Amino acid sequence: MTFYSRKLTMPFEDVLNKVTENLTRQGFSVITTLDMQDIFRQNLDRNFRKYRILGVYNATLALKAIYLESHAGIMLPCNVVIQDLPEGQVEVSALNPLEAIAPDQQSPALHAVAQEIGIRLRASVDFIARTPEAPSFPIPKRPTTT
């Protein structure tokens, strides 16, 4: 199983806010938020680490996928997990959507839509640690003229 994952040494709430912001920039809407720590405490009277599952979708790409394969809705929404790790880090992860499509259902068009969703999910996860001010590549110095 292939999934995108990033471990960070940032506070949990900062990671949650940053990934939500990144998802929005990539065209996703967060339509569900499951606080598993709270759910386990309420339903099982058990303590559990911070663990959130965000259900996200991109309306345009979801519509394309469902037009191409009527059962594509089974894969919606995409889930993004944010969790505290024992070593003091916070991990963000999301499943590669291509993993959720059975090989016999992967038409070239549906494959392209799933690939686009995956690229956007991966960008949302990969760029959490980047600050807006930080350049994404080294800026070359201008040659000096004498």
N, C-alpha and C. Protein backbone atom coordinates (compact mmCIF):
# COMPACT_ATOMS: atom_id res chain seq x y z
N MET A 1 0.84 -1.17 0.00
CA MET A 1 0.00 0.00 0.00
C MET A 1 0.89 1.24 0.00
N THR A 2 0.59 2.15 -0.88
CA THR A 2 1.37 3.38 -0.99
C THR A 2 0.59 4.54 -0.40
N PHE A 3 1.24 5.27 0.49
CA PHE A 3 0.61 6.48 1.00
C PHE A 3 1.66 7.56 1.16
N TYR A 4 1.18 8.79 1.18
CA TYR A 4 2.06 9.93 1.36
C TYR A 4 2.13 10.22 2.84
N SER A 5 3.32 10.49 3.34
CA SER A 5 3.47 10.69 4.77
C SER A 5 4.58 11.70 5.04
N ARG A 6 4.38 12.45 6.10
CA ARG A 6 5.37 13.44 6.52
C ARG A 6 5.36 13.50 8.03
N LYS A 7 6.53 13.39 8.65
CA LYS A 7 6.68 13.51 10.10
C LYS A 7 7.27 14.88 10.40
N LEU A 8 6.69 15.56 11.39
CA LEU A 8 7.09 16.92 11.70
C LEU A 8 7.29 17.10 13.18
N THR A 9 8.12 18.05 13.53
CA THR A 9 8.30 18.42 14.93
C THR A 9 7.65 19.78 15.15
N MET A 10 6.35 19.82 14.96
CA MET A 10 5.53 21.01 15.16
C MET A 10 4.39 20.62 16.09
N PRO A 11 3.78 21.57 16.78
CA PRO A 11 2.61 21.24 17.60
C PRO A 11 1.47 20.68 16.74
N PHE A 12 0.72 19.76 17.32
CA PHE A 12 -0.36 19.07 16.62
C PHE A 12 -1.32 20.07 15.95
N GLU A 13 -1.78 21.07 16.69
CA GLU A 13 -2.75 22.02 16.14
C GLU A 13 -2.17 22.81 14.98
N ASP A 14 -0.88 23.13 15.04
CA ASP A 14 -0.23 23.84 13.93
C ASP A 14 -0.22 22.97 12.67
N VAL A 15 0.09 21.69 12.84
CA VAL A 15 0.09 20.77 11.70
C VAL A 15 -1.33 20.64 11.14
N LEU A 16 -2.31 20.48 12.01
CA LEU A 16 -3.70 20.38 11.57
C LEU A 16 -4.12 21.61 10.78
N ASN A 17 -3.80 22.79 11.29
CA ASN A 17 -4.16 24.03 10.58
C ASN A 17 -3.43 24.15 9.25
N LYS A 18 -2.16 23.80 9.25
CA LYS A 18 -1.35 23.93 8.03
C LYS A 18 -1.83 22.95 6.95
N VAL A 19 -2.11 21.71 7.33
CA VAL A 19 -2.56 20.74 6.32
C VAL A 19 -3.94 21.14 5.79
N THR A 20 -4.80 21.66 6.65
CA THR A 20 -6.12 22.11 6.19
C THR A 20 -5.97 23.27 5.20
N GLU A 21 -5.07 24.18 5.50
CA GLU A 21 -4.79 25.31 4.60
C GLU A 21 -4.25 24.80 3.26
N ASN A 22 -3.31 23.86 3.32
CA ASN A 22 -2.72 23.30 2.10
C ASN A 22 -3.76 22.55 1.27
N LEU A 23 -4.63 21.81 1.93
CA LEU A 23 -5.69 21.10 1.20
C LEU A 23 -6.60 22.08 0.47
N THR A 24 -6.94 23.17 1.14
CA THR A 24 -7.79 24.19 0.52
C THR A 24 -7.09 24.79 -0.71
N ARG A 25 -5.82 25.06 -0.58
CA ARG A 25 -5.05 25.60 -1.72
C ARG A 25 -5.01 24.63 -2.90
N GLN A 26 -5.12 23.34 -2.61
CA GLN A 26 -5.10 22.33 -3.66
C GLN A 26 -6.51 22.02 -4.18
N GLY A 27 -7.50 22.79 -3.73
CA GLY A 27 -8.86 22.62 -4.25
C GLY A 27 -9.73 21.64 -3.48
N PHE A 28 -9.27 21.19 -2.31
CA PHE A 28 -10.04 20.25 -1.51
C PHE A 28 -10.91 20.99 -0.49
N SER A 29 -12.01 20.37 -0.15
CA SER A 29 -12.85 20.83 0.95
C SER A 29 -12.79 19.75 2.03
N VAL A 30 -12.68 20.18 3.28
CA VAL A 30 -12.74 19.24 4.40
C VAL A 30 -14.21 19.11 4.75
N ILE A 31 -14.78 17.92 4.52
CA ILE A 31 -16.22 17.74 4.75
C ILE A 31 -16.52 16.97 6.03
N THR A 32 -15.51 16.26 6.55
CA THR A 32 -15.69 15.58 7.85
C THR A 32 -14.39 15.67 8.64
N THR A 33 -14.53 15.73 9.94
CA THR A 33 -13.39 15.68 10.84
C THR A 33 -13.74 14.73 11.97
N LEU A 34 -12.99 13.66 12.09
CA LEU A 34 -13.20 12.70 13.17
C LEU A 34 -12.06 12.86 14.18
N ASP A 35 -12.41 13.20 15.40
CA ASP A 35 -11.45 13.31 16.49
C ASP A 35 -11.46 11.97 17.21
N MET A 36 -10.55 11.08 16.83
CA MET A 36 -10.56 9.72 17.36
C MET A 36 -10.22 9.70 18.85
N GLN A 37 -9.43 10.64 19.32
CA GLN A 37 -9.12 10.74 20.74
C GLN A 37 -10.42 10.94 21.52
N ASP A 38 -11.25 11.84 21.06
CA ASP A 38 -12.53 12.12 21.71
C ASP A 38 -13.52 10.96 21.55
N ILE A 39 -13.56 10.38 20.37
CA ILE A 39 -14.48 9.26 20.11
C ILE A 39 -14.14 8.07 21.01
N PHE A 40 -12.86 7.73 21.12
CA PHE A 40 -12.48 6.60 21.98
C PHE A 40 -12.75 6.89 23.45
N ARG A 41 -12.56 8.15 23.84
CA ARG A 41 -12.83 8.52 25.24
C ARG A 41 -14.33 8.40 25.52
N GLN A 42 -15.17 8.89 24.63
CA GLN A 42 -16.61 8.85 24.84
C GLN A 42 -17.20 7.44 24.72
N ASN A 43 -16.78 6.70 23.71
CA ASN A 43 -17.40 5.40 23.44
C ASN A 43 -16.77 4.24 24.19
N LEU A 44 -15.48 4.34 24.49
CA LEU A 44 -14.79 3.21 25.12
C LEU A 44 -14.17 3.56 26.47
N ASP A 45 -14.31 4.82 26.87
CA ASP A 45 -13.70 5.31 28.11
C ASP A 45 -12.20 5.00 28.12
N ARG A 46 -11.56 5.21 26.97
CA ARG A 46 -10.13 4.94 26.81
C ARG A 46 -9.39 6.21 26.44
N ASN A 47 -8.21 6.38 27.01
CA ASN A 47 -7.34 7.48 26.62
C ASN A 47 -6.59 7.08 25.36
N PHE A 48 -6.44 8.03 24.47
CA PHE A 48 -5.74 7.78 23.21
C PHE A 48 -5.03 9.06 22.79
N ARG A 49 -3.98 8.90 22.03
CA ARG A 49 -3.23 10.08 21.56
C ARG A 49 -4.09 10.92 20.61
N LYS A 50 -3.62 12.13 20.30
CA LYS A 50 -4.32 12.98 19.34
C LYS A 50 -4.27 12.30 17.98
N TYR A 51 -5.44 12.14 17.38
CA TYR A 51 -5.55 11.40 16.11
C TYR A 51 -6.79 11.92 15.41
N ARG A 52 -6.61 12.61 14.29
CA ARG A 52 -7.74 13.16 13.53
C ARG A 52 -7.75 12.56 12.14
N ILE A 53 -8.95 12.31 11.67
CA ILE A 53 -9.15 11.86 10.30
C ILE A 53 -9.97 12.92 9.60
N LEU A 54 -9.38 13.52 8.57
CA LEU A 54 -10.09 14.51 7.77
C LEU A 54 -10.61 13.83 6.51
N GLY A 55 -11.90 13.96 6.26
CA GLY A 55 -12.48 13.50 5.00
C GLY A 55 -12.49 14.67 4.04
N VAL A 56 -11.74 14.55 2.94
CA VAL A 56 -11.59 15.66 2.00
C VAL A 56 -11.98 15.22 0.60
N TYR A 57 -12.43 16.21 -0.19
CA TYR A 57 -12.69 15.92 -1.58
C TYR A 57 -12.56 17.18 -2.40
N ASN A 58 -12.26 16.99 -3.67
CA ASN A 58 -12.20 18.06 -4.64
C ASN A 58 -13.42 17.84 -5.54
N ALA A 59 -14.39 18.75 -5.47
CA ALA A 59 -15.67 18.56 -6.15
C ALA A 59 -15.51 18.32 -7.65
N THR A 60 -14.67 19.09 -8.30
CA THR A 60 -14.48 18.96 -9.75
C THR A 60 -13.93 17.59 -10.10
N LEU A 61 -12.89 17.17 -9.39
CA LEU A 61 -12.29 15.88 -9.69
C LEU A 61 -13.18 14.72 -9.27
N ALA A 62 -13.92 14.89 -8.17
CA ALA A 62 -14.86 13.85 -7.75
C ALA A 62 -15.95 13.65 -8.80
N LEU A 63 -16.46 14.73 -9.35
CA LEU A 63 -17.49 14.63 -10.39
C LEU A 63 -16.95 13.91 -11.62
N LYS A 64 -15.73 14.26 -12.03
CA LYS A 64 -15.12 13.57 -13.18
C LYS A 64 -14.99 12.08 -12.91
N ALA A 65 -14.52 11.73 -11.72
CA ALA A 65 -14.32 10.32 -11.38
C ALA A 65 -15.64 9.56 -11.40
N ILE A 66 -16.70 10.16 -10.85
CA ILE A 66 -18.00 9.48 -10.81
C ILE A 66 -18.61 9.36 -12.20
N TYR A 67 -18.40 10.35 -13.05
CA TYR A 67 -18.85 10.24 -14.45
C TYR A 67 -18.15 9.08 -15.14
N LEU A 68 -16.86 8.91 -14.86
CA LEU A 68 -16.09 7.86 -15.51
C LEU A 68 -16.38 6.47 -14.95
N GLU A 69 -16.65 6.40 -13.65
CA GLU A 69 -16.94 5.12 -12.99
C GLU A 69 -17.94 5.39 -11.90
N SER A 70 -19.15 4.86 -12.06
CA SER A 70 -20.23 5.17 -11.13
C SER A 70 -19.94 4.73 -9.69
N HIS A 71 -19.04 3.77 -9.51
CA HIS A 71 -18.71 3.31 -8.16
C HIS A 71 -17.54 4.08 -7.53
N ALA A 72 -17.05 5.10 -8.22
CA ALA A 72 -15.92 5.87 -7.70
C ALA A 72 -16.26 6.54 -6.37
N GLY A 73 -17.53 6.75 -6.10
CA GLY A 73 -17.94 7.36 -4.84
C GLY A 73 -17.55 6.54 -3.63
N ILE A 74 -17.30 5.25 -3.81
CA ILE A 74 -16.85 4.40 -2.71
C ILE A 74 -15.53 4.91 -2.15
N MET A 75 -14.75 5.54 -3.00
CA MET A 75 -13.43 6.04 -2.59
C MET A 75 -13.50 7.45 -2.02
N LEU A 76 -14.68 8.03 -1.99
CA LEU A 76 -14.83 9.41 -1.52
C LEU A 76 -15.43 9.43 -0.13
N PRO A 77 -15.07 10.34 0.72
CA PRO A 77 -13.98 11.29 0.52
C PRO A 77 -12.63 10.61 0.72
N CYS A 78 -11.58 11.30 0.31
CA CYS A 78 -10.23 10.84 0.60
C CYS A 78 -9.95 11.14 2.07
N ASN A 79 -9.22 10.29 2.73
CA ASN A 79 -8.90 10.50 4.14
C ASN A 79 -7.47 10.98 4.31
N VAL A 80 -7.32 11.96 5.19
CA VAL A 80 -6.00 12.45 5.59
C VAL A 80 -5.94 12.27 7.10
N VAL A 81 -4.89 11.63 7.58
CA VAL A 81 -4.74 11.34 9.01
C VAL A 81 -3.63 12.22 9.58
N ILE A 82 -3.94 12.85 10.71
CA ILE A 82 -2.96 13.61 11.48
C ILE A 82 -2.90 12.95 12.85
N GLN A 83 -1.69 12.54 13.28
CA GLN A 83 -1.59 11.83 14.55
C GLN A 83 -0.30 12.17 15.29
N ASP A 84 -0.41 12.20 16.63
CA ASP A 84 0.75 12.32 17.48
C ASP A 84 1.48 10.98 17.46
N LEU A 85 2.80 11.05 17.41
CA LEU A 85 3.63 9.85 17.47
C LEU A 85 4.34 9.81 18.82
N PRO A 86 4.68 8.62 19.29
CA PRO A 86 5.31 8.49 20.61
C PRO A 86 6.62 9.27 20.75
N GLU A 87 7.37 9.43 19.67
CA GLU A 87 8.67 10.12 19.77
C GLU A 87 8.56 11.64 19.71
N GLY A 88 7.36 12.18 19.92
CA GLY A 88 7.16 13.62 19.98
C GLY A 88 6.94 14.29 18.65
N GLN A 89 6.75 13.53 17.62
CA GLN A 89 6.48 14.09 16.30
C GLN A 89 4.99 13.99 15.99
N VAL A 90 4.60 14.71 14.95
CA VAL A 90 3.24 14.63 14.42
C VAL A 90 3.37 14.15 12.98
N GLU A 91 2.56 13.16 12.63
CA GLU A 91 2.60 12.60 11.28
C GLU A 91 1.32 12.93 10.54
N VAL A 92 1.47 13.28 9.28
CA VAL A 92 0.34 13.49 8.38
C VAL A 92 0.47 12.45 7.28
N SER A 93 -0.62 11.79 6.94
CA SER A 93 -0.56 10.80 5.88
C SER A 93 -1.87 10.75 5.11
N ALA A 94 -1.75 10.33 3.85
CA ALA A 94 -2.91 10.17 2.97
C ALA A 94 -2.62 9.02 2.01
N LEU A 95 -3.63 8.26 1.69
CA LEU A 95 -3.49 7.13 0.76
C LEU A 95 -3.38 7.64 -0.67
N ASN A 96 -2.50 7.03 -1.45
CA ASN A 96 -2.43 7.31 -2.88
C ASN A 96 -3.73 6.79 -3.50
N PRO A 97 -4.55 7.65 -4.11
CA PRO A 97 -5.84 7.21 -4.65
C PRO A 97 -5.74 6.09 -5.69
N LEU A 98 -4.62 5.99 -6.38
CA LEU A 98 -4.46 4.90 -7.35
C LEU A 98 -4.50 3.54 -6.68
N GLU A 99 -4.15 3.50 -5.39
CA GLU A 99 -4.20 2.24 -4.64
C GLU A 99 -5.63 1.77 -4.41
N ALA A 100 -6.58 2.71 -4.43
CA ALA A 100 -7.97 2.37 -4.11
C ALA A 100 -8.76 1.91 -5.33
N ILE A 101 -8.17 2.00 -6.51
CA ILE A 101 -8.87 1.60 -7.73
C ILE A 101 -8.40 0.21 -8.13
N ALA A 102 -9.35 -0.70 -8.29
CA ALA A 102 -9.01 -2.05 -8.73
C ALA A 102 -8.39 -1.98 -10.13
N PRO A 103 -7.37 -2.78 -10.39
CA PRO A 103 -6.71 -2.73 -11.69
C PRO A 103 -7.66 -2.88 -12.88
N ASP A 104 -8.70 -3.69 -12.74
CA ASP A 104 -9.64 -3.87 -13.86
C ASP A 104 -10.58 -2.68 -14.03
N GLN A 105 -10.56 -1.72 -13.10
CA GLN A 105 -11.39 -0.52 -13.19
C GLN A 105 -10.58 0.70 -13.62
N GLN A 106 -9.28 0.54 -13.83
CA GLN A 106 -8.42 1.68 -14.14
C GLN A 106 -8.39 1.99 -15.63
N SER A 107 -9.44 2.65 -16.11
CA SER A 107 -9.39 3.14 -17.47
C SER A 107 -8.35 4.26 -17.51
N PRO A 108 -7.82 4.57 -18.67
CA PRO A 108 -6.84 5.66 -18.73
C PRO A 108 -7.39 6.99 -18.19
N ALA A 109 -8.65 7.29 -18.45
CA ALA A 109 -9.23 8.55 -17.97
C ALA A 109 -9.37 8.55 -16.45
N LEU A 110 -9.86 7.45 -15.87
CA LEU A 110 -10.01 7.38 -14.41
C LEU A 110 -8.63 7.38 -13.74
N HIS A 111 -7.69 6.70 -14.36
CA HIS A 111 -6.32 6.70 -13.84
C HIS A 111 -5.78 8.13 -13.78
N ALA A 112 -6.04 8.92 -14.82
CA ALA A 112 -5.56 10.31 -14.87
C ALA A 112 -6.20 11.15 -13.77
N VAL A 113 -7.49 10.95 -13.51
CA VAL A 113 -8.17 11.71 -12.44
C VAL A 113 -7.60 11.31 -11.08
N ALA A 114 -7.44 10.02 -10.84
CA ALA A 114 -6.89 9.55 -9.57
C ALA A 114 -5.46 10.06 -9.39
N GLN A 115 -4.70 10.09 -10.47
CA GLN A 115 -3.34 10.58 -10.41
C GLN A 115 -3.33 12.07 -10.04
N GLU A 116 -4.23 12.86 -10.62
CA GLU A 116 -4.33 14.29 -10.30
C GLU A 116 -4.70 14.50 -8.83
N ILE A 117 -5.64 13.71 -8.33
CA ILE A 117 -6.01 13.79 -6.92
C ILE A 117 -4.80 13.46 -6.05
N GLY A 118 -4.08 12.42 -6.43
CA GLY A 118 -2.89 12.02 -5.68
C GLY A 118 -1.82 13.09 -5.66
N ILE A 119 -1.60 13.74 -6.78
CA ILE A 119 -0.61 14.82 -6.84
C ILE A 119 -1.00 15.94 -5.88
N ARG A 120 -2.28 16.29 -5.85
CA ARG A 120 -2.75 17.36 -4.98
C ARG A 120 -2.69 16.96 -3.50
N LEU A 121 -3.03 15.71 -3.20
CA LEU A 121 -2.92 15.24 -1.81
C LEU A 121 -1.46 15.25 -1.37
N ARG A 122 -0.60 14.76 -2.24
CA ARG A 122 0.82 14.70 -1.89
C ARG A 122 1.38 16.11 -1.65
N ALA A 123 1.00 17.06 -2.48
CA ALA A 123 1.45 18.45 -2.29
C ALA A 123 0.96 18.98 -0.95
N SER A 124 -0.27 18.64 -0.59
CA SER A 124 -0.84 19.10 0.68
C SER A 124 -0.04 18.55 1.86
N VAL A 125 0.40 17.32 1.75
CA VAL A 125 1.16 16.68 2.83
C VAL A 125 2.62 17.13 2.81
N ASP A 126 3.23 17.16 1.63
CA ASP A 126 4.67 17.45 1.53
C ASP A 126 5.04 18.87 1.93
N PHE A 127 4.15 19.83 1.72
CA PHE A 127 4.53 21.22 1.93
C PHE A 127 4.07 21.78 3.26
N ILE A 128 3.82 20.93 4.24
CA ILE A 128 3.38 21.41 5.55
C ILE A 128 4.47 22.20 6.25
N ALA A 129 5.68 21.74 6.17
CA ALA A 129 6.77 22.40 6.88
C ALA A 129 7.24 23.68 6.20
N ARG A 130 6.81 23.91 4.97
CA ARG A 130 7.25 25.09 4.23
C ARG A 130 6.46 26.31 4.69
N THR A 131 7.16 27.38 4.91
CA THR A 131 6.49 28.64 5.24
C THR A 131 6.27 29.42 3.95
N PRO A 132 5.22 30.24 3.89
CA PRO A 132 4.96 30.97 2.65
C PRO A 132 6.14 31.84 2.20
N GLU A 133 6.92 32.34 3.14
CA GLU A 133 8.03 33.21 2.79
C GLU A 133 9.23 32.44 2.25
N ALA A 134 9.31 31.16 2.57
CA ALA A 134 10.48 30.38 2.18
C ALA A 134 10.41 30.04 0.69
N PRO A 135 11.49 30.31 -0.06
CA PRO A 135 11.46 29.94 -1.48
C PRO A 135 11.49 28.42 -1.61
N SER A 136 10.89 27.92 -2.67
CA SER A 136 10.85 26.48 -2.88
C SER A 136 12.10 25.98 -3.61
N PHE A 137 12.96 26.90 -4.01
CA PHE A 137 14.18 26.53 -4.69
C PHE A 137 15.23 27.59 -4.36
N PRO A 138 16.51 27.25 -4.49
CA PRO A 138 17.53 28.26 -4.19
C PRO A 138 17.49 29.37 -5.24
N ILE A 139 17.59 30.58 -4.77
CA ILE A 139 17.61 31.72 -5.69
C ILE A 139 19.06 32.01 -6.03
N PRO A 140 19.40 31.94 -7.33
CA PRO A 140 20.80 32.17 -7.69
C PRO A 140 21.18 33.64 -7.49
N LYS A 141 22.42 33.83 -7.15
CA LYS A 141 22.92 35.19 -6.97
C LYS A 141 23.21 35.77 -8.35
N ARG A 142 22.94 37.06 -8.46
CA ARG A 142 23.26 37.75 -9.71
C ARG A 142 24.77 37.95 -9.80
N PRO A 143 25.30 37.79 -10.98
CA PRO A 143 26.73 38.03 -11.12
C PRO A 143 27.02 39.53 -10.89
N THR A 144 28.08 39.79 -10.25
CA THR A 144 28.45 41.18 -10.02
C THR A 144 29.24 41.70 -11.21
N THR A 145 28.99 42.94 -11.55
CA THR A 145 29.73 43.54 -12.67
C THR A 145 30.73 44.52 -12.09
N THR A 146 31.89 44.53 -12.65
CA THR A 146 32.90 45.46 -12.17
C THR A 146 33.39 46.36 -13.25
